Amino acid sequence: MIELNFSKLLLLAVIALVVLGPEKLPKAARMAGAMLRRLRLGWESVRSEVERELEIEEIKRAAKEAADRADAVQKAAESEARSAHAVVNATVAEVANTAAPVASDAGNEEVRHGDA
């Protein structure tokens, strides 16, 4: 970047005074000031637009990460639900198998008590 100190600005002012003359110098200075102002405003506009785009990209990335985490949690929950369902089904089948012989034994005892 160009470094402008007081001595360089003074040298530029003297050169501008010699080249443009005292009549045209104020108008040229105003024009240069207006152009610098427009340039600065344009640069600020571009900078703010880039910052806004970067923020949007950051938000999109955070949303994607959150969605990925939610999918992982949902898959883990579904897996746990399936395994719990399998355990419950196995327990129900085991209870049914255990209860069936007891019920048939109870029916046989009724027949035996009825014979006596």
Protein backbone atom coordinates (compact mmCIF):
# COMPACT_ATOMS: atom_id res chain seq x y z
CA MET A 1 0.00 0.00 0.00
CA ILE A 2 1.16 3.55 -0.65
CA GLU A 3 2.31 5.37 2.46
CA LEU A 4 1.34 9.02 2.47
CA ASN A 5 2.98 11.22 5.05
CA PHE A 6 2.91 14.99 5.39
CA SER A 7 5.96 15.64 3.22
CA LYS A 8 4.56 13.56 0.34
CA LEU A 9 1.18 15.30 0.58
CA LEU A 10 2.89 18.68 0.53
CA LEU A 11 4.92 17.69 -2.54
CA LEU A 12 1.72 16.52 -4.31
CA ALA A 13 0.00 19.82 -3.45
CA VAL A 14 2.89 21.86 -4.89
CA ILE A 15 2.96 19.76 -8.08
CA ALA A 16 -0.83 20.10 -8.44
CA LEU A 17 -0.60 23.87 -7.94
CA VAL A 18 2.08 24.18 -10.63
CA VAL A 19 0.32 21.88 -13.11
CA LEU A 20 -3.28 23.05 -12.61
CA GLY A 21 -2.78 26.62 -11.52
CA PRO A 22 -4.51 28.45 -8.67
CA GLU A 23 -7.82 28.80 -10.57
CA LYS A 24 -8.41 25.10 -11.30
CA LEU A 25 -6.86 23.64 -8.12
CA PRO A 26 -9.91 24.06 -5.79
CA LYS A 27 -12.25 22.47 -8.35
CA ALA A 28 -9.79 19.59 -8.93
CA ALA A 29 -9.43 19.08 -5.17
CA ARG A 30 -13.22 18.91 -4.74
CA MET A 31 -13.47 16.45 -7.63
CA ALA A 32 -10.67 14.31 -6.18
CA GLY A 33 -12.38 14.37 -2.77
CA ALA A 34 -15.70 13.33 -4.29
CA MET A 35 -14.04 10.52 -6.24
CA LEU A 36 -12.27 9.27 -3.11
CA ARG A 37 -15.55 9.41 -1.18
CA ARG A 38 -17.32 7.37 -3.90
CA LEU A 39 -14.44 4.93 -3.98
CA ARG A 40 -14.54 4.52 -0.20
CA LEU A 41 -18.33 4.04 -0.21
CA GLY A 42 -18.04 1.50 -3.01
CA TRP A 43 -15.31 -0.34 -1.13
CA GLU A 44 -17.43 -0.37 2.05
CA SER A 45 -20.36 -1.72 0.06
CA VAL A 46 -18.25 -4.52 -1.41
CA ARG A 47 -16.73 -5.30 1.99
CA SER A 48 -20.14 -5.46 3.71
CA GLU A 49 -21.50 -7.69 0.91
CA VAL A 50 -18.56 -10.08 1.28
CA GLU A 51 -19.01 -10.16 5.06
CA ARG A 52 -22.72 -10.87 4.61
CA GLU A 53 -21.95 -13.72 2.20
CA LEU A 54 -19.43 -15.17 4.65
CA GLU A 55 -21.99 -15.00 7.45
CA ILE A 56 -24.54 -16.76 5.23
CA GLU A 57 -22.01 -19.49 4.43
CA GLU A 58 -21.24 -19.89 8.15
CA ILE A 59 -24.95 -20.19 8.93
CA LYS A 60 -25.40 -22.77 6.16
CA ARG A 61 -22.44 -24.78 7.45
CA ALA A 62 -23.78 -24.67 11.02
CA ALA A 63 -27.25 -25.72 9.83
CA LYS A 64 -25.77 -28.64 7.87
CA GLU A 65 -23.76 -29.77 10.89
CA ALA A 66 -26.88 -29.55 13.08
CA ALA A 67 -28.89 -31.56 10.54
CA ASP A 68 -26.14 -34.19 10.38
CA ARG A 69 -26.09 -34.46 14.17
CA ALA A 70 -29.89 -34.71 14.25
CA ASP A 71 -29.78 -37.51 11.66
CA ALA A 72 -27.16 -39.36 13.70
CA VAL A 73 -29.24 -39.03 16.86
CA GLN A 74 -32.37 -40.18 15.01
CA LYS A 75 -30.55 -43.24 13.63
CA ALA A 76 -29.18 -44.07 17.08
CA ALA A 77 -32.65 -43.72 18.60
CA GLU A 78 -34.17 -45.95 15.92
CA SER A 79 -31.46 -48.54 16.50
CA GLU A 80 -32.07 -48.49 20.26
CA ALA A 81 -35.84 -48.74 19.68
CA ARG A 82 -35.34 -51.78 17.41
CA SER A 83 -33.11 -53.49 19.96
CA ALA A 84 -35.57 -52.71 22.77
CA HIS A 85 -38.40 -54.05 20.60
CA ALA A 86 -36.42 -57.24 19.99
CA VAL A 87 -35.77 -57.65 23.72
CA VAL A 88 -39.46 -57.14 24.51
CA ASN A 89 -40.49 -59.64 21.83
CA ALA A 90 -38.00 -62.18 23.17
CA THR A 91 -39.27 -61.65 26.71
CA VAL A 92 -42.90 -62.02 25.59
CA ALA A 93 -42.06 -65.22 23.72
CA GLU A 94 -40.19 -66.55 26.75
CA VAL A 95 -43.11 -65.74 29.06
CA ALA A 96 -45.54 -67.32 26.61
CA ASN A 97 -43.43 -70.49 26.44
CA THR A 98 -43.18 -70.62 30.22
CA ALA A 99 -46.90 -69.95 30.76
CA ALA A 100 -48.10 -72.57 28.25
CA PRO A 101 -46.80 -75.63 30.16
CA VAL A 102 -48.08 -74.21 33.45
CA ALA A 103 -51.55 -73.78 31.97
CA SER A 104 -51.59 -77.33 30.63
CA ASP A 105 -50.36 -78.64 34.00
CA ALA A 106 -53.19 -76.78 35.73
CA GLY A 107 -55.71 -78.39 33.41
CA ASN A 108 -54.27 -81.86 34.15
CA GLU A 109 -54.52 -81.25 37.90
CA GLU A 110 -58.20 -80.36 37.57
CA VAL A 111 -58.76 -83.65 35.83
CA ARG A 112 -56.87 -85.48 38.56
CA HIS A 113 -58.77 -83.78 41.34
CA GLY A 114 -62.02 -84.51 39.59
CA ASP A 115 -61.17 -88.25 39.45
CA ALA A 116 -60.45 -88.51 43.12
